[in-house]
């Protein structure tokens, strides 16, 4: 799955266009490398996102194309 879509579906970033802009600005890193929005995300990857002076680091455990409505509010 594309990185920008993953960031939106996982709700790390609210909108896909914002995720795309963050990738273009070089604020998103996958496994220690600056990533483009079109980069492929797979299970086991470590994604780091820089938000201003804060940084969020997450490990991808599973990649699903869409979220289920039953899990939307968990």
N, C-alpha and C. Protein backbone atom coordinates (compact mmCIF):
# COMPACT_ATOMS: atom_id res chain seq x y z
N UNK A 1 0.84 -1.17 0.00
CA UNK A 1 0.00 0.00 0.00
C UNK A 1 0.89 1.24 0.00
N UNK A 2 0.44 2.26 -0.69
CA UNK A 2 1.19 3.53 -0.74
C UNK A 2 1.29 4.14 0.65
N UNK A 3 2.39 4.83 0.90
CA UNK A 3 2.63 5.45 2.20
C UNK A 3 1.58 6.48 2.54
N UNK A 4 1.23 7.37 1.61
CA UNK A 4 0.25 8.41 1.92
C UNK A 4 -1.12 7.82 2.26
N UNK A 5 -1.49 6.76 1.55
CA UNK A 5 -2.76 6.10 1.83
C UNK A 5 -2.70 5.39 3.19
N UNK A 6 -1.59 4.75 3.50
CA UNK A 6 -1.44 4.08 4.79
C UNK A 6 -1.55 5.06 5.95
N UNK A 7 -0.92 6.22 5.81
CA UNK A 7 -0.98 7.21 6.88
C UNK A 7 -2.41 7.69 7.12
N UNK A 8 -3.20 7.79 6.06
CA UNK A 8 -4.59 8.19 6.21
C UNK A 8 -5.43 7.07 6.81
N UNK A 9 -5.32 5.86 6.26
CA UNK A 9 -6.12 4.73 6.73
C UNK A 9 -5.80 4.40 8.19
N UNK A 10 -4.55 4.51 8.58
CA UNK A 10 -4.16 4.22 9.96
C UNK A 10 -4.46 5.37 10.91
N UNK A 11 -4.91 6.49 10.35
CA UNK A 11 -5.29 7.69 11.10
C UNK A 11 -4.12 8.36 11.81
N UNK A 12 -2.92 8.16 11.29
CA UNK A 12 -1.78 8.91 11.81
C UNK A 12 -1.84 10.34 11.31
N UNK A 13 -2.33 10.52 10.08
CA UNK A 13 -2.55 11.84 9.49
C UNK A 13 -3.99 11.85 8.97
N UNK A 14 -4.69 12.95 9.21
CA UNK A 14 -6.13 13.00 8.95
C UNK A 14 -6.51 12.93 7.47
N UNK A 15 -5.75 13.60 6.62
CA UNK A 15 -6.09 13.64 5.19
C UNK A 15 -4.93 13.15 4.34
N UNK A 16 -5.28 12.51 3.21
CA UNK A 16 -4.26 11.97 2.33
C UNK A 16 -3.42 13.08 1.69
N UNK A 17 -4.03 14.21 1.38
CA UNK A 17 -3.26 15.31 0.79
C UNK A 17 -2.25 15.86 1.79
N UNK A 18 -2.61 15.90 3.07
CA UNK A 18 -1.67 16.35 4.10
C UNK A 18 -0.53 15.34 4.24
N UNK A 19 -0.86 14.05 4.16
CA UNK A 19 0.17 13.00 4.21
C UNK A 19 1.11 13.13 3.03
N UNK A 20 0.56 13.43 1.86
CA UNK A 20 1.36 13.61 0.66
C UNK A 20 2.31 14.79 0.82
N UNK A 21 1.81 15.90 1.37
CA UNK A 21 2.64 17.08 1.59
C UNK A 21 3.75 16.81 2.61
N UNK A 22 3.44 16.05 3.66
CA UNK A 22 4.45 15.71 4.66
C UNK A 22 5.56 14.87 4.05
N UNK A 23 5.19 13.95 3.16
CA UNK A 23 6.19 13.12 2.49
C UNK A 23 7.05 13.98 1.55
N UNK A 24 6.43 14.87 0.82
CA UNK A 24 7.17 15.74 -0.10
C UNK A 24 8.14 16.65 0.64
N UNK A 25 7.78 17.04 1.87
CA UNK A 25 8.64 17.92 2.67
C UNK A 25 9.77 17.15 3.36
N UNK A 26 9.78 15.82 3.24
CA UNK A 26 10.84 15.02 3.84
C UNK A 26 10.66 14.77 5.33
N UNK A 27 9.43 14.90 5.83
CA UNK A 27 9.18 14.70 7.25
C UNK A 27 8.79 13.27 7.61
N UNK A 28 8.71 12.39 6.61
CA UNK A 28 8.34 10.99 6.85
C UNK A 28 9.51 10.09 6.47
N UNK A 29 9.87 9.20 7.40
CA UNK A 29 11.01 8.31 7.21
C UNK A 29 10.54 6.87 7.40
N UNK A 30 10.93 5.99 6.47
CA UNK A 30 10.64 4.56 6.60
C UNK A 30 11.97 3.83 6.74
N UNK A 31 12.13 3.10 7.83
CA UNK A 31 13.34 2.31 8.09
C UNK A 31 14.61 3.14 7.93
N UNK A 32 14.59 4.38 8.40
CA UNK A 32 15.78 5.22 8.39
C UNK A 32 16.03 5.98 7.10
N UNK A 33 15.13 5.85 6.12
CA UNK A 33 15.31 6.55 4.85
C UNK A 33 14.13 7.47 4.59
N UNK A 34 14.40 8.68 4.11
CA UNK A 34 13.33 9.61 3.75
C UNK A 34 12.50 8.97 2.64
N UNK A 35 11.17 9.00 2.81
CA UNK A 35 10.29 8.28 1.90
C UNK A 35 9.39 9.23 1.11
N UNK A 36 9.12 8.84 -0.13
CA UNK A 36 8.15 9.55 -0.96
C UNK A 36 6.76 9.01 -0.65
N UNK A 37 5.74 9.75 -1.06
CA UNK A 37 4.36 9.35 -0.82
C UNK A 37 4.02 8.03 -1.52
N UNK A 38 4.72 7.72 -2.59
CA UNK A 38 4.43 6.50 -3.35
C UNK A 38 5.18 5.27 -2.83
N UNK A 39 5.95 5.43 -1.76
CA UNK A 39 6.71 4.30 -1.22
C UNK A 39 5.77 3.21 -0.74
N UNK A 40 6.20 1.96 -0.89
CA UNK A 40 5.39 0.82 -0.50
C UNK A 40 5.59 0.53 0.99
N UNK A 41 4.48 0.39 1.72
CA UNK A 41 4.53 0.08 3.15
C UNK A 41 4.15 -1.38 3.33
N UNK A 42 4.93 -2.10 4.14
CA UNK A 42 4.63 -3.50 4.41
C UNK A 42 4.83 -3.78 5.90
N UNK A 43 4.32 -4.90 6.35
CA UNK A 43 4.42 -5.27 7.77
C UNK A 43 5.89 -5.35 8.17
N UNK A 44 6.19 -4.82 9.35
CA UNK A 44 7.55 -4.82 9.87
C UNK A 44 8.29 -3.52 9.66
N UNK A 45 7.77 -2.64 8.81
CA UNK A 45 8.42 -1.34 8.59
C UNK A 45 8.27 -0.45 9.81
N UNK A 46 9.26 0.41 10.02
CA UNK A 46 9.21 1.40 11.09
C UNK A 46 9.07 2.77 10.41
N UNK A 47 7.98 3.47 10.74
CA UNK A 47 7.70 4.78 10.15
C UNK A 47 7.88 5.84 11.22
N UNK A 48 8.61 6.89 10.88
CA UNK A 48 8.81 8.02 11.78
C UNK A 48 8.31 9.28 11.10
N UNK A 49 7.45 10.02 11.80
CA UNK A 49 6.86 11.25 11.25
C UNK A 49 7.23 12.41 12.16
N UNK A 50 7.76 13.48 11.57
CA UNK A 50 8.12 14.67 12.33
C UNK A 50 6.97 15.67 12.27
N UNK A 51 6.42 15.99 13.44
CA UNK A 51 5.37 16.99 13.57
C UNK A 51 5.94 18.17 14.34
N UNK A 52 6.36 19.20 13.66
CA UNK A 52 6.94 20.36 14.34
C UNK A 52 8.18 19.95 15.12
N UNK A 53 8.13 20.11 16.45
CA UNK A 53 9.27 19.72 17.27
C UNK A 53 9.08 18.34 17.90
N UNK A 54 7.98 17.66 17.56
CA UNK A 54 7.72 16.31 18.06
C UNK A 54 7.92 15.30 16.95
N UNK A 55 8.16 14.07 17.36
CA UNK A 55 8.33 13.00 16.40
C UNK A 55 7.53 11.78 16.86
N UNK A 56 6.85 11.13 15.92
CA UNK A 56 6.07 9.94 16.21
C UNK A 56 6.70 8.77 15.47
N UNK A 57 6.94 7.69 16.20
CA UNK A 57 7.57 6.51 15.61
C UNK A 57 6.63 5.33 15.82
N UNK A 58 6.29 4.64 14.72
CA UNK A 58 5.38 3.49 14.79
C UNK A 58 5.95 2.33 13.99
N UNK A 59 5.60 1.11 14.43
CA UNK A 59 5.98 -0.10 13.69
C UNK A 59 4.71 -0.66 13.05
N UNK A 60 4.79 -0.98 11.78
CA UNK A 60 3.65 -1.51 11.04
C UNK A 60 3.52 -2.99 11.35
N UNK A 61 2.37 -3.39 11.90
CA UNK A 61 2.16 -4.80 12.21
C UNK A 61 1.35 -5.51 11.13
N UNK A 62 0.44 -4.77 10.48
CA UNK A 62 -0.40 -5.36 9.45
C UNK A 62 -0.85 -4.25 8.50
N UNK A 63 -1.00 -4.59 7.24
CA UNK A 63 -1.45 -3.62 6.25
C UNK A 63 -2.77 -4.10 5.68
N UNK A 64 -3.82 -3.30 5.91
CA UNK A 64 -5.13 -3.61 5.36
C UNK A 64 -5.53 -2.46 4.44
N UNK A 65 -6.14 -2.79 3.32
CA UNK A 65 -6.48 -1.77 2.32
C UNK A 65 -7.54 -0.79 2.82
N UNK A 66 -8.45 -1.26 3.64
CA UNK A 66 -9.49 -0.36 4.15
C UNK A 66 -9.84 -0.75 5.57
N UNK A 67 -10.41 0.18 6.28
CA UNK A 67 -10.82 -0.11 7.65
C UNK A 67 -12.25 -0.62 7.65
N UNK A 68 -12.54 -1.50 8.53
CA UNK A 68 -13.89 -2.04 8.66
C UNK A 68 -14.71 -1.09 9.53
N UNK A 69 -15.99 -0.97 9.21
CA UNK A 69 -16.82 -0.03 9.98
C UNK A 69 -16.96 -0.45 11.44
N UNK A 70 -16.85 -1.75 11.75
CA UNK A 70 -16.91 -2.20 13.14
C UNK A 70 -15.70 -1.73 13.94
N UNK A 71 -14.58 -1.54 13.29
CA UNK A 71 -13.35 -1.15 13.97
C UNK A 71 -13.09 0.35 13.88
N UNK A 72 -14.00 1.09 13.28
CA UNK A 72 -13.75 2.51 13.03
C UNK A 72 -13.67 3.30 14.32
N UNK A 73 -14.33 2.88 15.37
CA UNK A 73 -14.35 3.66 16.59
C UNK A 73 -13.55 3.02 17.72
N UNK A 74 -12.71 2.07 17.42
CA UNK A 74 -11.88 1.43 18.46
C UNK A 74 -10.68 2.25 18.77
